[in-house]
Protein backbone atom coordinates (compact mmCIF):
# COMPACT_ATOMS: atom_id res chain seq x y z
CA UNK A 1 1.99 7.47 16.82
CA UNK A 2 1.19 8.06 13.20
CA UNK A 3 0.11 5.22 11.08
CA UNK A 4 -0.69 4.22 7.40
CA UNK A 5 -2.31 1.40 5.79
CA UNK A 6 -1.99 -0.17 2.29
CA UNK A 7 -3.31 -3.03 0.34
CA UNK A 8 -1.29 -5.20 -2.16
CA UNK A 9 -2.93 -7.98 -4.22
CA UNK A 10 -1.23 -11.40 -4.16
CA UNK A 11 -0.31 -12.75 -7.55
CA UNK A 12 0.01 -16.18 -9.12
CA UNK A 13 2.77 -16.50 -11.99
CA UNK A 14 1.63 -19.10 -14.61
CA UNK A 15 4.94 -18.98 -16.51
CA UNK A 16 8.11 -16.84 -16.83
CA UNK A 17 11.70 -16.24 -18.07
CA UNK A 18 14.53 -15.46 -15.63
CA UNK A 19 16.42 -12.17 -16.46
CA UNK A 20 18.23 -11.33 -13.65
CA UNK A 21 21.90 -10.76 -14.58
CA UNK A 22 21.74 -6.73 -14.42
CA UNK A 23 24.01 -5.88 -11.58
CA UNK A 24 21.49 -3.05 -10.88
CA UNK A 25 18.47 -4.77 -9.42
CA UNK A 26 16.25 -2.08 -10.69
CA UNK A 27 16.57 -3.61 -14.19
CA UNK A 28 16.56 -7.39 -13.23
CA UNK A 29 13.46 -9.23 -13.45
CA UNK A 30 11.47 -11.66 -15.56
CA UNK A 31 9.28 -11.91 -18.61
CA UNK A 32 6.04 -13.87 -17.93
CA UNK A 33 2.38 -13.89 -17.13
CA UNK A 34 0.22 -14.07 -14.23
CA UNK A 35 -2.75 -12.81 -12.34
CA UNK A 36 -3.48 -10.46 -9.45
CA UNK A 37 -5.80 -11.60 -6.79
CA UNK A 38 -8.47 -9.48 -4.66
CA UNK A 39 -7.14 -11.47 -1.83
CA UNK A 40 -3.71 -10.07 -0.70
CA UNK A 41 -1.83 -8.45 2.02
CA UNK A 42 -2.88 -5.64 4.08
CA UNK A 43 0.05 -3.75 5.82
CA UNK A 44 -0.22 -1.45 8.64
CA UNK A 45 2.83 1.03 9.65
CA UNK A 46 2.82 2.57 12.97
CA UNK A 47 5.65 4.78 13.85
CA UNK A 48 6.69 7.07 16.93
CA UNK A 49 9.86 9.13 17.69
CA UNK A 50 12.34 7.19 19.83
CA UNK A 51 15.98 7.65 21.13
CA UNK A 52 16.99 5.19 18.56
CA UNK A 53 15.69 3.36 15.51
CA UNK A 54 13.89 -0.04 16.01
CA UNK A 55 11.97 -2.29 13.94
CA UNK A 56 9.27 -5.05 14.62
CA UNK A 57 7.39 -6.93 12.25
CA UNK A 58 4.28 -9.03 12.82
CA UNK A 59 2.58 -11.28 10.54
CA UNK A 60 -1.02 -12.25 11.21
CA UNK A 61 -0.65 -11.07 14.82
CA UNK A 62 2.64 -12.99 15.45
CA UNK A 63 6.12 -11.38 15.82
CA UNK A 64 8.26 -12.62 13.01
CA UNK A 65 12.01 -13.16 12.80
CA UNK A 66 11.82 -14.47 9.30
CA UNK A 67 10.44 -11.24 7.44
CA UNK A 68 13.63 -10.83 5.28
CA UNK A 69 12.09 -8.88 2.47
CA UNK A 70 9.96 -6.43 4.78
CA UNK A 71 13.46 -5.91 6.94
CA UNK A 72 15.19 -5.14 3.57
CA UNK A 73 12.55 -2.67 2.48
CA UNK A 74 13.02 -0.75 5.76
CA UNK A 75 16.79 -0.83 5.55
CA UNK A 76 16.54 0.76 2.03
CA UNK A 77 14.31 3.41 2.94
CA UNK A 78 16.31 4.13 6.33
CA UNK A 79 19.48 4.42 3.97
CA UNK A 80 17.88 6.80 1.69
CA UNK A 81 15.75 9.04 3.92
CA UNK A 82 17.66 10.36 6.97
CA UNK A 83 14.22 11.95 8.30
CA UNK A 84 13.41 8.34 9.10
CA UNK A 85 16.22 7.87 11.80
CA UNK A 86 15.41 7.57 15.63
CA UNK A 87 11.74 6.12 15.10
CA UNK A 88 10.15 3.09 16.50
CA UNK A 89 8.63 1.31 13.41
CA UNK A 90 5.84 -1.15 13.75
CA UNK A 91 4.89 -3.12 10.80
CA UNK A 92 1.96 -5.46 10.65
CA UNK A 93 1.19 -7.61 7.72
CA UNK A 94 -2.21 -9.37 7.60
CA UNK A 95 -1.75 -12.06 4.78
CA UNK A 96 -5.10 -13.59 3.54
CA UNK A 97 -3.50 -16.68 1.76
CA UNK A 98 -0.80 -19.34 2.94
CA UNK A 99 2.95 -17.93 2.45
CA UNK A 100 5.32 -19.69 0.34
CA UNK A 101 2.64 -21.62 -1.76
CA UNK A 102 2.93 -19.54 -4.79
CA UNK A 103 0.72 -16.26 -4.18
CA UNK A 104 3.51 -13.64 -4.27
CA UNK A 105 3.00 -12.85 -0.60
CA UNK A 106 6.69 -11.56 -0.01
CA UNK A 107 6.32 -9.10 -3.03
CA UNK A 108 2.77 -8.01 -1.71
CA UNK A 109 4.21 -7.35 1.62
CA UNK A 110 7.13 -5.39 0.50
CA UNK A 111 5.13 -3.40 -2.00
CA UNK A 112 2.43 -2.38 0.64
CA UNK A 113 5.05 -1.79 3.20
CA UNK A 114 7.10 0.81 0.87
CA UNK A 115 3.67 2.44 -0.03
CA UNK A 116 2.83 2.90 3.60
CA UNK A 117 6.33 3.92 4.83
CA UNK A 118 6.27 6.78 2.12
CA UNK A 119 2.68 7.75 3.29
CA UNK A 120 3.44 7.63 7.16
CA UNK A 121 6.77 9.71 7.08
CA UNK A 122 5.35 12.07 4.25
CA UNK A 123 8.36 11.30 1.87
CA UNK A 124 6.72 12.66 -1.03
CA UNK A 125 8.25 9.88 -3.62
CA UNK A 126 5.74 8.70 -6.23
CA UNK A 127 3.88 5.36 -5.95
CA UNK A 128 6.40 3.92 -8.90
CA UNK A 129 9.47 5.14 -6.89
CA UNK A 130 8.19 3.30 -3.70
CA UNK A 131 7.34 0.08 -5.64
CA UNK A 132 10.77 0.20 -7.09
CA UNK A 133 12.33 -0.28 -3.65
CA UNK A 134 10.10 -2.97 -2.85
CA UNK A 135 11.07 -4.68 -6.34
CA UNK A 136 14.74 -4.10 -5.53
CA UNK A 137 14.22 -5.71 -1.90
CA UNK A 138 12.42 -8.90 -3.55
CA UNK A 139 15.14 -9.36 -6.18
CA UNK A 140 18.07 -8.86 -3.83
CA UNK A 141 16.27 -11.54 -1.47
CA UNK A 142 15.72 -13.85 -4.32
CA UNK A 143 12.30 -14.16 -3.33
CA UNK A 144 10.72 -13.12 -6.51
CA UNK A 145 11.43 -11.32 -9.86
CA UNK A 146 8.43 -9.98 -11.49
CA UNK A 147 5.69 -10.13 -8.83
CA UNK A 148 6.16 -6.61 -7.75
CA UNK A 149 5.59 -4.87 -11.25
CA UNK A 150 2.55 -7.06 -11.57
CA UNK A 151 0.96 -6.53 -8.13
CA UNK A 152 1.66 -2.54 -8.72
CA UNK A 153 -0.80 -2.79 -11.63
CA UNK A 154 -3.09 -5.74 -11.13
CA UNK A 155 -5.26 -7.74 -13.77
CA UNK A 156 -3.83 -10.45 -15.67
CA UNK A 157 -0.75 -9.33 -17.24
CA UNK A 158 1.81 -10.22 -19.63
CA UNK A 159 5.57 -8.92 -18.42
CA UNK A 160 7.10 -8.01 -21.79
CA UNK A 161 10.06 -6.12 -20.47
CA UNK A 162 11.90 -7.12 -17.20
CA UNK A 163 12.82 -4.63 -14.34
CA UNK A 164 11.06 -2.66 -11.53
CA UNK A 165 7.83 -0.62 -12.17
CA UNK A 166 8.63 2.32 -14.19
CA UNK A 167 11.32 0.22 -16.14
CA UNK A 168 9.80 -2.91 -16.75
CA UNK A 169 6.87 -3.14 -18.98
CA UNK A 170 3.48 -5.18 -18.80
CA UNK A 171 0.50 -5.66 -21.37
CA UNK A 172 -2.84 -6.46 -20.04
CA UNK A 173 -4.81 -9.63 -20.99
CA UNK A 174 -8.37 -8.94 -21.53
CA UNK A 175 -10.61 -11.09 -19.19
CA UNK A 176 -14.28 -11.04 -18.63
CA UNK A 177 -15.48 -9.80 -15.36
CA UNK A 178 -17.14 -12.86 -14.40
CA UNK A 179 -13.91 -14.65 -14.21
CA UNK A 180 -12.32 -15.81 -10.67
CA UNK A 181 -9.26 -17.62 -9.54
CA UNK A 182 -9.55 -20.88 -7.86
CA UNK A 183 -6.52 -22.62 -6.24
CA UNK A 184 -5.96 -25.77 -4.23
CA UNK A 185 -2.92 -25.58 -2.25
CA UNK A 186 -0.83 -28.20 -0.24
CA UNK A 187 1.98 -26.25 1.15
CA UNK A 188 5.02 -24.42 0.32
CA UNK A 189 8.21 -24.66 -2.16
CA UNK A 190 11.29 -22.56 -1.78
CA UNK A 191 11.48 -19.77 -4.66
CA UNK A 192 14.97 -19.08 -3.34
CA UNK A 193 15.99 -22.71 -4.07
CA UNK A 194 14.62 -22.60 -7.61
CA UNK A 195 15.99 -19.31 -8.60
CA UNK A 196 19.59 -20.57 -7.89
CA UNK A 197 19.36 -23.90 -9.41
CA UNK A 198 21.04 -24.02 -12.42
CA UNK A 199 19.54 -26.78 -14.06
CA UNK A 200 15.96 -25.27 -13.26
CA UNK A 201 17.00 -22.17 -14.44
CA UNK A 202 18.01 -23.53 -17.83
CA UNK A 203 14.55 -25.38 -18.36
CA UNK A 204 12.76 -22.15 -17.28
CA UNK A 205 14.60 -20.01 -19.66
CA UNK A 206 14.56 -22.60 -22.57
CA UNK A 207 10.68 -22.28 -22.74
CA UNK A 208 9.40 -19.27 -20.80
CA UNK A 209 10.37 -16.51 -23.44
CA UNK A 210 8.60 -18.34 -26.20
CA UNK A 211 5.38 -18.76 -24.28
CA UNK A 212 5.62 -14.90 -23.69
CA UNK A 213 5.76 -14.17 -27.51
CA UNK A 214 2.66 -16.79 -27.90
CA UNK A 215 0.72 -14.88 -25.39
CA UNK A 216 1.39 -11.37 -26.86
CA UNK A 217 0.34 -12.65 -30.28
CA UNK A 218 -3.12 -14.12 -28.87
CA UNK A 219 -3.80 -12.65 -25.28
CA UNK A 220 -6.61 -14.51 -23.86
CA UNK A 221 -7.47 -16.32 -20.55
CA UNK A 222 -7.41 -19.80 -22.51
CA UNK A 223 -4.02 -19.28 -23.73
CA UNK A 224 -2.91 -18.01 -20.64
CA UNK A 225 -4.01 -21.13 -18.84
CA UNK A 226 -2.86 -23.60 -21.72
CA UNK A 227 0.72 -21.98 -21.69
CA UNK A 228 1.02 -22.14 -17.86
CA UNK A 229 0.20 -25.76 -18.26
CA UNK A 230 2.92 -26.44 -20.82
CA UNK A 231 5.20 -24.40 -18.80
CA UNK A 232 4.73 -26.39 -15.52
CA UNK A 233 5.23 -29.66 -17.48
CA UNK A 234 8.43 -28.36 -19.09
CA UNK A 235 10.02 -27.32 -16.00
CA UNK A 236 9.37 -30.62 -14.23
CA UNK A 237 8.46 -29.65 -10.69
CA UNK A 238 5.03 -31.12 -10.63
CA UNK A 239 4.58 -33.05 -7.42
CA UNK A 240 2.55 -36.34 -6.81
CA UNK A 241 -0.53 -34.36 -5.18
CA UNK A 242 -0.39 -31.72 -7.90
CA UNK A 243 -0.38 -34.10 -10.58
CA UNK A 244 -3.21 -36.11 -9.07
CA UNK A 245 -5.27 -32.51 -9.22
CA UNK A 246 -4.18 -31.77 -12.59
CA UNK A 247 -5.27 -34.97 -13.99
CA UNK A 248 -8.63 -34.98 -12.20
CA UNK A 249 -9.35 -31.40 -13.58
CA UNK A 250 -8.27 -32.68 -17.15
CA UNK A 251 -11.01 -35.23 -16.99
CA UNK A 252 -13.62 -32.63 -16.39
CA UNK A 253 -11.97 -30.48 -19.20
CA UNK A 254 -10.64 -27.63 -16.77
CA UNK A 255 -7.20 -26.37 -17.57
CA UNK A 256 -5.33 -26.24 -14.28
CA UNK A 257 -1.68 -25.58 -13.97
CA UNK A 258 0.92 -25.19 -11.05
CA UNK A 259 1.76 -21.86 -9.27
CA UNK A 260 5.13 -20.68 -9.70
CA UNK A 261 6.39 -21.49 -7.13
CA UNK A 262 4.23 -23.35 -4.59
CA UNK A 263 2.77 -26.86 -4.23
CA UNK A 264 -0.61 -25.36 -5.38
CA UNK A 265 -2.63 -26.01 -8.51
CA UNK A 266 -4.73 -23.03 -10.04
CA UNK A 267 -7.13 -21.91 -12.89
CA UNK A 268 -9.12 -18.95 -14.10
CA UNK A 269 -12.95 -20.18 -14.20
CA UNK A 270 -16.26 -18.39 -15.06
CA UNK A 271 -18.19 -18.10 -11.99
CA UNK A 272 -20.97 -20.30 -13.43
CA UNK A 273 -18.54 -23.24 -13.66
CA UNK A 274 -16.86 -22.61 -10.21
CA UNK A 275 -19.01 -25.20 -8.16
CA UNK A 276 -18.27 -27.91 -10.78
CA UNK A 277 -14.51 -27.30 -10.61
CA UNK A 278 -14.50 -27.26 -6.70
CA UNK A 279 -16.26 -30.48 -6.40
CA UNK A 280 -13.27 -31.99 -8.41
CA UNK A 281 -10.82 -30.33 -5.99
CA UNK A 282 -13.10 -31.57 -3.13
CA UNK A 283 -13.44 -35.20 -4.50
CA UNK A 284 -9.80 -35.71 -5.47
CA UNK A 285 -7.85 -33.76 -3.07
CA UNK A 286 -9.10 -33.51 0.23
CA UNK A 287 -5.83 -32.72 2.13
CA UNK A 288 -5.54 -29.36 0.26
CA UNK A 289 -6.77 -26.09 1.21
CA UNK A 290 -9.16 -24.30 -1.42
CA UNK A 291 -8.84 -20.60 -2.01
CA UNK A 292 -11.32 -18.79 -4.24
CA UNK A 293 -10.48 -15.09 -5.32
CA UNK A 294 -11.59 -12.39 -7.29
CA UNK A 295 -9.14 -10.79 -9.83
CA UNK A 296 -7.69 -7.40 -8.59
CA UNK A 297 -8.03 -4.79 -11.49
CA UNK A 298 -6.40 -1.57 -9.36
CA UNK A 299 -3.14 -2.82 -8.24
CA UNK A 300 -1.43 -1.83 -4.87
CA UNK A 301 -3.02 1.08 -3.11
CA UNK A 302 -3.06 3.17 0.05
CA UNK A 303 -6.07 2.53 2.39
CA UNK A 304 -7.87 5.33 4.26
């Protein structure tokens, strides 16, 4: 049995504009901005020859019947690479953050899986080509639009042209090394539901593109957080628990916003002020789960 392993950072989107009309999902995507986390998804792929092809996906040790995006990635590879036929494929995702809560876990799982499949089967395609297959799977499953390109490269990014890695384009927002990401998460929201809701899509697209232009003009962490908050207020999906968190943070002059899409609040904060912020999270929002992460500047990669 051969195996390969890969890591992909998770990712929080602060604001975005939907550009998913191209029929070819390579060119569909989003403009927007977000941050890649040093917490992410580690994916192990084990393969052995078999009489017929089979696939098993485990998430954090449990067999999963709902890993739609991972299955889509494997199917895409199988249809393209005949040398993968007649193998038993076992995929194990270890996810360090809650799923469905605005951390880009499906994109990270798809991306790590694509890199590991390429490696374990010796397919010889580039990292960018493997990432393109992950991007297409996510767009076609309606679980995300710009997450994969962001996670491919890491950092705090502005997505300035839609599409998969190698087609879309990103610019980096300079961020001092002492910044970390702090999140308070209460639960999941459905990305698929929001990406297919015409009213919400209109609200997103009326405002998201203007904020991208503003951040390109003055790319810094403060503007990223300020514009993310303006976007969350405009789109109008802030829940009661998120509202309580945002208001409590406002009183102590921390700019927090809502993660797109999850019932979670986040901010980028200098490490020396982290404890002060966490005190706010603990005092006002005891039912949430606090997650603190560094920023990943490397992007998705194979692990040896």
